[in-house]
C-alpha atoms as a PDB file:
ATOM      1  CA  MET A   1       2.648  26.503   2.090  1.00  0.00           C
ATOM      2  CA  THR A   2       0.996  27.629  -1.148  1.00  0.00           C
ATOM      3  CA  LEU A   3      -1.525  25.082  -2.373  1.00  0.00           C
ATOM      4  CA  SER A   4      -0.744  25.533  -6.066  1.00  0.00           C
ATOM      5  CA  ASP A   5       3.031  25.848  -5.616  1.00  0.00           C
ATOM      6  CA  THR A   6       4.236  22.260  -5.346  1.00  0.00           C
ATOM      7  CA  SER A   7       7.734  23.427  -4.373  1.00  0.00           C
ATOM      8  CA  THR A   8       6.291  24.394  -0.955  1.00  0.00           C
ATOM      9  CA  TRP A   9       4.595  21.054  -0.310  1.00  0.00           C
ATOM     10  CA  LEU A  10       5.593  19.104   2.782  1.00  0.00           C
ATOM     11  CA  PRO A  11       8.440  16.578   2.246  1.00  0.00           C
ATOM     12  CA  LEU A  12       7.864  12.956   3.189  1.00  0.00           C
ATOM     13  CA  ASP A  13       9.813  13.146   6.456  1.00  0.00           C
ATOM     14  CA  GLY A  14       7.682  16.140   7.506  1.00  0.00           C
ATOM     15  CA  LEU A  15       4.583  13.943   7.455  1.00  0.00           C
ATOM     16  CA  ALA A  16       5.945  11.226   9.746  1.00  0.00           C
ATOM     17  CA  PRO A  17       5.465  12.635  13.290  1.00  0.00           C
ATOM     18  CA  GLY A  18       2.189  11.237  14.602  1.00  0.00           C
ATOM     19  CA  PHE A  19       1.122   9.745  11.278  1.00  0.00           C
ATOM     20  CA  ASP A  20       1.443   6.228  12.687  1.00  0.00           C
ATOM     21  CA  ALA A  21      -0.963   6.701  15.639  1.00  0.00           C
ATOM     22  CA  ASN A  22      -3.484   4.208  14.229  1.00  0.00           C
ATOM     23  CA  LYS A  23      -0.893   1.587  13.311  1.00  0.00           C
ATOM     24  CA  ALA A  24      -1.793  -1.924  14.454  1.00  0.00           C
ATOM     25  CA  PRO A  25       0.593  -3.709  16.820  1.00  0.00           C
ATOM     26  CA  ALA A  26       3.156  -5.907  15.094  1.00  0.00           C
ATOM     27  CA  VAL A  27       2.929  -9.672  15.720  1.00  0.00           C
ATOM     28  CA  ASP A  28       5.562 -12.387  16.218  1.00  0.00           C
ATOM     29  CA  ASP A  29       3.484 -15.218  14.728  1.00  0.00           C
ATOM     30  CA  LEU A  30       6.031 -15.967  11.985  1.00  0.00           C
ATOM     31  CA  ARG A  31       9.217 -15.690  14.035  1.00  0.00           C
ATOM     32  CA  GLY A  32      11.744 -18.397  13.163  1.00  0.00           C
ATOM     33  CA  ARG A  33       9.764 -19.742  10.192  1.00  0.00           C
ATOM     34  CA  GLU A  34      11.171 -19.750   6.666  1.00  0.00           C
ATOM     35  CA  PHE A  35       9.085 -19.038   3.571  1.00  0.00           C
ATOM     36  CA  VAL A  36      10.254 -19.757   0.030  1.00  0.00           C
ATOM     37  CA  LEU A  37       8.190 -17.808  -2.503  1.00  0.00           C
ATOM     38  CA  ARG A  38       8.175 -18.824  -6.156  1.00  0.00           C
ATOM     39  CA  ASP A  39       6.474 -17.976  -9.411  1.00  0.00           C
ATOM     40  CA  ASP A  40       6.375 -19.882 -12.710  1.00  0.00           C
ATOM     41  CA  ASN A  41      10.074 -19.131 -13.260  1.00  0.00           C
ATOM     42  CA  GLY A  42      11.248 -20.508  -9.912  1.00  0.00           C
ATOM     43  CA  PRO A  43      12.081 -19.116  -6.451  1.00  0.00           C
ATOM     44  CA  ILE A  44      11.899 -15.309  -6.260  1.00  0.00           C
ATOM     45  CA  ARG A  45      12.523 -14.722  -2.560  1.00  0.00           C
ATOM     46  CA  THR A  46      13.203 -16.497   0.726  1.00  0.00           C
ATOM     47  CA  TRP A  47      12.084 -14.766   3.896  1.00  0.00           C
ATOM     48  CA  THR A  48      12.759 -15.871   7.468  1.00  0.00           C
ATOM     49  CA  GLY A  49      10.650 -14.675  10.377  1.00  0.00           C
ATOM     50  CA  THR A  50      13.758 -13.480  12.173  1.00  0.00           C
ATOM     51  CA  ASP A  51      14.655 -11.063   9.348  1.00  0.00           C
ATOM     52  CA  ALA A  52      14.490  -7.391  10.276  1.00  0.00           C
ATOM     53  CA  GLY A  53      11.106  -5.828   9.681  1.00  0.00           C
ATOM     54  CA  GLU A  54       7.527  -5.668  10.957  1.00  0.00           C
ATOM     55  CA  THR A  55       4.715  -8.213  10.580  1.00  0.00           C
ATOM     56  CA  PHE A  56       0.998  -7.365  10.785  1.00  0.00           C
ATOM     57  CA  LEU A  57      -1.968  -9.728  10.924  1.00  0.00           C
ATOM     58  CA  VAL A  58      -4.510  -8.701   8.273  1.00  0.00           C
ATOM     59  CA  ASP A  59      -6.971 -11.604   8.539  1.00  0.00           C
ATOM     60  CA  ASP A  60      -6.893 -15.241   9.669  1.00  0.00           C
ATOM     61  CA  ASP A  61      -3.599 -16.681   8.321  1.00  0.00           C
ATOM     62  CA  LEU A  62      -3.045 -13.578   6.149  1.00  0.00           C
ATOM     63  CA  TYR A  63       0.037 -11.504   6.986  1.00  0.00           C
ATOM     64  CA  TYR A  64       1.655  -8.297   5.770  1.00  0.00           C
ATOM     65  CA  VAL A  65       5.430  -8.177   6.258  1.00  0.00           C
ATOM     66  CA  GLN A  66       7.355  -4.946   5.746  1.00  0.00           C
ATOM     67  CA  VAL A  67      11.035  -5.770   5.396  1.00  0.00           C
ATOM     68  CA  ARG A  68      13.513  -3.154   6.579  1.00  0.00           C
ATOM     69  CA  PRO A  69      14.712  -1.324   3.442  1.00  0.00           C
ATOM     70  CA  ALA A  70      18.132  -1.825   1.913  1.00  0.00           C
ATOM     71  CA  ASP A  71      19.467   1.477   0.580  1.00  0.00           C
ATOM     72  CA  ARG A  72      16.919   2.601  -2.029  1.00  0.00           C
ATOM     73  CA  GLU A  73      14.796  -0.533  -2.198  1.00  0.00           C
ATOM     74  CA  ALA A  74      11.973  -1.653   0.106  1.00  0.00           C
ATOM     75  CA  VAL A  75      10.123  -4.988  -0.042  1.00  0.00           C
ATOM     76  CA  SER A  76       6.549  -5.652   1.107  1.00  0.00           C
ATOM     77  CA  LEU A  77       5.374  -9.267   1.443  1.00  0.00           C
ATOM     78  CA  PHE A  78       1.798 -10.535   1.655  1.00  0.00           C
ATOM     79  CA  LEU A  79       1.587 -14.146   2.825  1.00  0.00           C
ATOM     80  CA  ASP A  80      -1.664 -16.122   2.735  1.00  0.00           C
ATOM     81  CA  LEU A  81      -0.876 -19.282   4.691  1.00  0.00           C
ATOM     82  CA  ARG A  82      -4.433 -20.589   4.269  1.00  0.00           C
ATOM     83  CA  ASP A  83      -4.259 -20.610   0.469  1.00  0.00           C
ATOM     84  CA  GLY A  84      -0.492 -20.982  -0.017  1.00  0.00           C
ATOM     85  CA  ARG A  85      -0.233 -17.761  -2.003  1.00  0.00           C
ATOM     86  CA  ALA A  86       1.865 -14.612  -1.753  1.00  0.00           C
ATOM     87  CA  LEU A  87       2.517 -11.240  -3.334  1.00  0.00           C
ATOM     88  CA  VAL A  88       5.932  -9.555  -3.399  1.00  0.00           C
ATOM     89  CA  VAL A  89       5.957  -5.775  -3.939  1.00  0.00           C
ATOM     90  CA  THR A  90       9.340  -4.127  -4.513  1.00  0.00           C
ATOM     91  CA  THR A  91       9.494  -0.325  -4.247  1.00  0.00           C
ATOM     92  CA  THR A  92      12.581   1.353  -5.735  1.00  0.00           C
ATOM     93  CA  ILE A  93      13.816   4.952  -5.576  1.00  0.00           C
ATOM     94  CA  GLY A  94      15.210   5.826  -8.991  1.00  0.00           C
ATOM     95  CA  ASP A  95      17.658   8.506 -10.058  1.00  0.00           C
ATOM     96  CA  HIS A  96      15.132  10.333 -12.247  1.00  0.00           C
ATOM     97  CA  GLY A  97      11.774   9.963 -13.953  1.00  0.00           C
ATOM     98  CA  THR A  98       8.127  10.589 -13.115  1.00  0.00           C
ATOM     99  CA  PRO A  99       7.241   9.027 -10.829  1.00  0.00           C
ATOM    100  CA  ARG A 100      10.680   8.932  -9.235  1.00  0.00           C
ATOM    101  CA  VAL A 101       9.745   5.952  -7.055  1.00  0.00           C
ATOM    102  CA  THR A 102       8.524   2.869  -8.928  1.00  0.00           C
ATOM    103  CA  GLN A 103       7.037  -0.485  -7.933  1.00  0.00           C
ATOM    104  CA  GLN A 104       7.077  -4.079  -9.143  1.00  0.00           C
ATOM    105  CA  PHE A 105       4.389  -6.658  -8.282  1.00  0.00           C
ATOM    106  CA  ARG A 106       5.075 -10.404  -8.365  1.00  0.00           C
ATOM    107  CA  PRO A 107       2.397 -12.944  -7.363  1.00  0.00           C
ATOM    108  CA  ALA A 108       3.841 -16.162  -5.982  1.00  0.00           C
ATOM    109  CA  THR A 109       3.084 -19.403  -4.208  1.00  0.00           C
ATOM    110  CA  ILE A 110       4.582 -20.573  -0.900  1.00  0.00           C
ATOM    111  CA  ASP A 111       6.614 -23.790  -0.864  1.00  0.00           C
ATOM    112  CA  GLY A 112       5.239 -26.473   1.437  1.00  0.00           C
ATOM    113  CA  TYR A 113       1.677 -25.118   1.490  1.00  0.00           C
ATOM    114  CA  ASP A 114      -1.333 -26.451  -0.410  1.00  0.00           C
ATOM    115  CA  VAL A 115      -2.174 -23.881  -3.072  1.00  0.00           C
ATOM    116  CA  ARG A 116      -5.867 -23.202  -3.543  1.00  0.00           C
ATOM    117  CA  GLY A 117      -8.281 -20.469  -4.515  1.00  0.00           C
ATOM    118  CA  GLU A 118      -7.597 -17.621  -6.900  1.00  0.00           C
ATOM    119  CA  ALA A 119      -4.134 -16.198  -7.444  1.00  0.00           C
ATOM    120  CA  MET A 120      -3.411 -12.718  -6.124  1.00  0.00           C
ATOM    121  CA  ALA A 121      -4.080 -10.607  -9.211  1.00  0.00           C
ATOM    122  CA  PRO A 122      -4.840  -7.048 -10.391  1.00  0.00           C
ATOM    123  CA  SER A 123      -8.338  -5.904  -9.494  1.00  0.00           C
ATOM    124  CA  THR A 124     -10.779  -3.168 -10.495  1.00  0.00           C
ATOM    125  CA  ALA A 125     -13.012  -3.721  -7.451  1.00  0.00           C
ATOM    126  CA  LEU A 126     -12.205  -0.364  -5.822  1.00  0.00           C
ATOM    127  CA  ILE A 127     -12.998   1.792  -8.861  1.00  0.00           C
ATOM    128  CA  GLY A 128     -15.809   4.257  -8.130  1.00  0.00           C
ATOM    129  CA  ARG A 129     -15.381   4.201  -4.359  1.00  0.00           C
ATOM    130  CA  ARG A 130     -14.775   7.339  -2.277  1.00  0.00           C
ATOM    131  CA  VAL A 131     -13.224   6.477   1.097  1.00  0.00           C
ATOM    132  CA  LEU A 132     -12.272   8.427   4.227  1.00  0.00           C
ATOM    133  CA  TRP A 133      -9.033   7.236   5.884  1.00  0.00           C
ATOM    134  CA  VAL A 134      -8.071   8.445   9.380  1.00  0.00           C
ATOM    135  CA  TYR A 135      -4.420   7.872  10.318  1.00  0.00           C
ATOM    136  CA  SER A 136      -4.439   9.712  13.653  1.00  0.00           C
ATOM    137  CA  ALA A 137      -6.452  12.304  15.554  1.00  0.00           C
ATOM    138  CA  GLU A 138      -4.700  14.919  13.382  1.00  0.00           C
ATOM    139  CA  HIS A 139      -4.305  13.178   9.987  1.00  0.00           C
ATOM    140  CA  ALA A 140      -7.185  12.326   7.642  1.00  0.00           C
ATOM    141  CA  TYR A 141      -7.403  11.886   3.865  1.00  0.00           C
ATOM    142  CA  GLU A 142     -10.002  10.887   1.347  1.00  0.00           C
ATOM    143  CA  HIS A 143      -9.314   8.661  -1.641  1.00  0.00           C
ATOM    144  CA  VAL A 144     -11.309   8.491  -4.855  1.00  0.00           C
ATOM    145  CA  TYR A 145     -10.446   5.428  -6.926  1.00  0.00           C
ATOM    146  CA  LEU A 146     -10.815   6.526 -10.547  1.00  0.00           C
ATOM    147  CA  SER A 147      -9.436   3.835 -12.845  1.00  0.00           C
ATOM    148  CA  PRO A 148      -6.966   0.948 -12.978  1.00  0.00           C
ATOM    149  CA  HIS A 149      -4.174   3.550 -13.247  1.00  0.00           C
ATOM    150  CA  TRP A 150      -5.313   6.667 -11.341  1.00  0.00           C
ATOM    151  CA  TYR A 151      -6.714   7.744  -7.972  1.00  0.00           C
ATOM    152  CA  THR A 152      -7.243  11.159  -6.377  1.00  0.00           C
ATOM    153  CA  TRP A 153      -6.350  12.028  -2.780  1.00  0.00           C
ATOM    154  CA  GLN A 154      -7.269  15.054  -0.684  1.00  0.00           C
ATOM    155  CA  CYS A 155      -5.982  15.912   2.794  1.00  0.00           C
ATOM    156  CA  LEU A 156      -8.909  16.722   5.117  1.00  0.00           C
ATOM    157  CA  ALA A 157      -6.902  17.143   8.336  1.00  0.00           C
ATOM    158  CA  GLY A 158      -3.235  17.485   9.162  1.00  0.00           C
ATOM    159  CA  PRO A 159      -0.221  19.453   7.919  1.00  0.00           C
ATOM    160  CA  GLU A 160      -1.197  18.840   4.276  1.00  0.00           C
ATOM    161  CA  ARG A 161      -4.794  20.042   4.751  1.00  0.00           C
ATOM    162  CA  GLY A 162      -6.110  21.490   1.505  1.00  0.00           C
ATOM    163  CA  LEU A 163      -3.628  19.659  -0.714  1.00  0.00           C
ATOM    164  CA  ALA A 164      -4.909  17.259  -3.352  1.00  0.00           C
ATOM    165  CA  ASP A 165      -3.547  15.470  -6.398  1.00  0.00           C
ATOM    166  CA  THR A 166      -4.139  12.610  -8.791  1.00  0.00           C
ATOM    167  CA  ASP A 167      -1.441   9.925  -8.829  1.00  0.00           C
ATOM    168  CA  GLU A 168      -0.707   6.467 -10.199  1.00  0.00           C
ATOM    169  CA  ASN A 169      -2.125   3.486  -8.352  1.00  0.00           C
ATOM    170  CA  THR A 170      -2.133  -0.313  -8.546  1.00  0.00           C
ATOM    171  CA  VAL A 171      -4.648  -2.642  -6.881  1.00  0.00           C
ATOM    172  CA  TYR A 172      -4.257  -6.388  -6.264  1.00  0.00           C
ATOM    173  CA  ARG A 173      -6.911  -8.669  -4.779  1.00  0.00           C
ATOM    174  CA  LEU A 174      -5.649 -10.859  -1.935  1.00  0.00           C
ATOM    175  CA  ARG A 175      -8.961 -12.277  -0.706  1.00  0.00           C
ATOM    176  CA  PRO A 176     -12.580 -11.239  -1.296  1.00  0.00           C
ATOM    177  CA  GLY A 177     -12.842  -7.691   0.040  1.00  0.00           C
ATOM    178  CA  ILE A 178      -9.146  -7.438   0.952  1.00  0.00           C
ATOM    179  CA  HIS A 179      -6.849  -5.616  -1.465  1.00  0.00           C
ATOM    180  CA  VAL A 180      -3.312  -4.330  -1.776  1.00  0.00           C
ATOM    181  CA  PHE A 181      -3.546  -0.675  -2.771  1.00  0.00           C
ATOM    182  CA  ALA A 182      -0.273   0.959  -3.819  1.00  0.00           C
ATOM    183  CA  TRP A 183       0.393   4.436  -5.124  1.00  0.00           C
ATOM    184  CA  ARG A 184       3.282   6.443  -6.597  1.00  0.00           C
ATOM    185  CA  GLU A 185       3.362  10.228  -6.176  1.00  0.00           C
ATOM    186  CA  LYS A 186       4.684  12.583  -8.854  1.00  0.00           C
ATOM    187  CA  VAL A 187       5.239  15.727  -6.723  1.00  0.00           C
ATOM    188  CA  ILE A 188       6.902  14.240  -3.640  1.00  0.00           C
ATOM    189  CA  PRO A 189       9.401  11.447  -4.467  1.00  0.00           C
ATOM    190  CA  CYS A 190       7.647   8.665  -2.583  1.00  0.00           C
ATOM    191  CA  ALA A 191       5.401   5.642  -2.940  1.00  0.00           C
ATOM    192  CA  SER A 192       3.191   3.646  -0.626  1.00  0.00           C
ATOM    193  CA  VAL A 193       2.061   0.055  -0.268  1.00  0.00           C
ATOM    194  CA  THR A 194      -1.035  -0.646   1.813  1.00  0.00           C
ATOM    195  CA  VAL A 195      -3.311  -3.604   2.438  1.00  0.00           C
ATOM    196  CA  ALA A 196      -6.925  -2.550   2.979  1.00  0.00           C
ATOM    197  CA  ASP A 197      -9.830  -4.571   4.335  1.00  0.00           C
ATOM    198  CA  HIS A 198     -13.000  -3.268   2.640  1.00  0.00           C
ATOM    199  CA  ARG A 199     -15.385  -5.993   3.848  1.00  0.00           C
ATOM    200  CA  ASP A 200     -17.262  -3.735   6.286  1.00  0.00           C
ATOM    201  CA  ALA A 201     -18.039  -0.399   4.621  1.00  0.00           C
ATOM    202  CA  ARG A 202     -18.395   1.317   8.021  1.00  0.00           C
ATOM    203  CA  ALA A 203     -15.212  -0.138   9.522  1.00  0.00           C
ATOM    204  CA  LEU A 204     -12.467  -0.302   6.928  1.00  0.00           C
ATOM    205  CA  ARG A 205      -8.935  -1.051   8.125  1.00  0.00           C
ATOM    206  CA  SER A 206      -5.562  -0.619   6.443  1.00  0.00           C
ATOM    207  CA  HIS A 207      -1.878  -1.204   7.184  1.00  0.00           C
ATOM    208  CA  GLY A 208       0.940   0.205   5.097  1.00  0.00           C
ATOM    209  CA  VAL A 209       4.278   1.858   4.481  1.00  0.00           C
ATOM    210  CA  LEU A 210       5.574   5.063   2.901  1.00  0.00           C
ATOM    211  CA  PHE A 211       9.006   5.024   1.273  1.00  0.00           C
ATOM    212  CA  GLY A 212      10.820   7.814  -0.528  1.00  0.00           C
ATOM    213  CA  LEU A 213      13.303  10.659  -0.133  1.00  0.00           C
ATOM    214  CA  ASP A 214      13.539  13.223   2.667  1.00  0.00           C
ATOM    215  CA  ALA A 215      13.571  17.013   2.362  1.00  0.00           C
ATOM    216  CA  THR A 216      17.173  16.996   1.096  1.00  0.00           C
ATOM    217  CA  GLY A 217      16.230  14.765  -1.813  1.00  0.00           C
ATOM    218  CA  GLU A 218      19.123  12.469  -0.902  1.00  0.00           C
ATOM    219  CA  GLN A 219      18.263  10.276   2.099  1.00  0.00           C
ATOM    220  CA  PRO A 220      15.612   7.507   2.056  1.00  0.00           C
ATOM    221  CA  THR A 221      12.693   7.849   4.478  1.00  0.00           C
ATOM    222  CA  HIS A 222      10.673   4.774   5.482  1.00  0.00           C
ATOM    223  CA  PHE A 223       7.866   4.386   8.016  1.00  0.00           C
ATOM    224  CA  THR A 224       4.859   2.145   8.583  1.00  0.00           C
ATOM    225  CA  PHE A 225       1.371   3.291   9.557  1.00  0.00           C
ATOM    226  CA  GLY A 226      -2.255   2.226   9.816  1.00  0.00           C
ATOM    227  CA  ALA A 227      -5.666   3.759   9.273  1.00  0.00           C
ATOM    228  CA  HIS A 228      -9.328   3.307  10.060  1.00  0.00           C
ATOM    229  CA  GLY A 229     -11.759   4.169   7.294  1.00  0.00           C
ATOM    230  CA  ARG A 230     -15.289   4.186   5.997  1.00  0.00           C
ATOM    231  CA  LEU A 231     -16.913   4.209   2.609  1.00  0.00           C
ATOM    232  CA  LEU A 232     -18.350   7.652   1.819  1.00  0.00           C
ATOM    233  CA  SER A 233     -19.961   6.918  -1.529  1.00  0.00           C
ATOM    234  CA  THR A 234     -19.772   4.795  -4.666  1.00  0.00           C
ATOM    235  CA  THR A 235     -20.010   6.005  -8.244  1.00  0.00           C
ATOM    236  CA  VAL A 236     -21.460   3.574 -10.783  1.00  0.00           C
ATOM    237  CA  HIS A 237     -20.679   4.490 -14.390  1.00  0.00           C
ATOM    238  CA  PRO A 238     -22.994   3.448 -17.254  1.00  0.00           C
ATOM    239  CA  GLY A 239     -21.555   0.443 -19.069  1.00  0.00           C
ATOM    240  CA  PRO A 240     -19.938   2.170 -22.093  1.00  0.00           C
ATOM    241  CA  TYR A 241     -18.273   4.736 -19.812  1.00  0.00           C
ATOM    242  CA  ASP A 242     -17.115   2.424 -17.033  1.00  0.00           C
ATOM    243  CA  PRO A 243     -13.361   3.033 -16.433  1.00  0.00           C
ATOM    244  CA  ALA A 244     -13.074  -0.475 -15.028  1.00  0.00           C
ATOM    245  CA  GLU A 245     -13.810  -1.802 -18.493  1.00  0.00           C
ATOM    246  CA  GLY A 246     -11.200   0.364 -20.200  1.00  0.00           C
END
């Protein structure tokens, strides 16, 4: 692998072995229950706990559901049963474009639940943070959250060690200190959706999925993972130069 020659970079399916070592165990808490999610225009999705996929407990009554992908589309659901709110993230592999894999974010409410608190919405809370994420004994990356649109990643351990890039990102606040962080890569045709708990700077936790194309550029690749992290530093920009205000 040549660091500056992106044609030699590892394909998405080459990353998978062992990358999920720190994944949390899936839970069956929602099995058999039906959830109707709607926005201001009406119902946008119905999900039943028996549908194929994996469910992870993020916090009390806050769940991340990764639905098994259908062809070139993958759906991630975030269900807050305490506040009656949800977020639906749809990741789609396109035929062309940069990035090749795109994402749509739709906040929603859950039928039958009392809706309270703030809606799940875009957030700038992570901007300026530099975080270490450890996915296994062999895989570690750092993230630097630059702006509402960009973040930089660098591989510190694993088969991509030495690689780094700046890619598109989107952040949504679910609860105070808990955010959906999603990114879309421009070199490898893939995207990720994660939910990250930043409440304890020394014990961050995330759960997520990677979805994209394999080494052939034809077949979808999809796998879930988890990571433990810690805050390394925080950059505070002077007011006129703060990217969060841009």
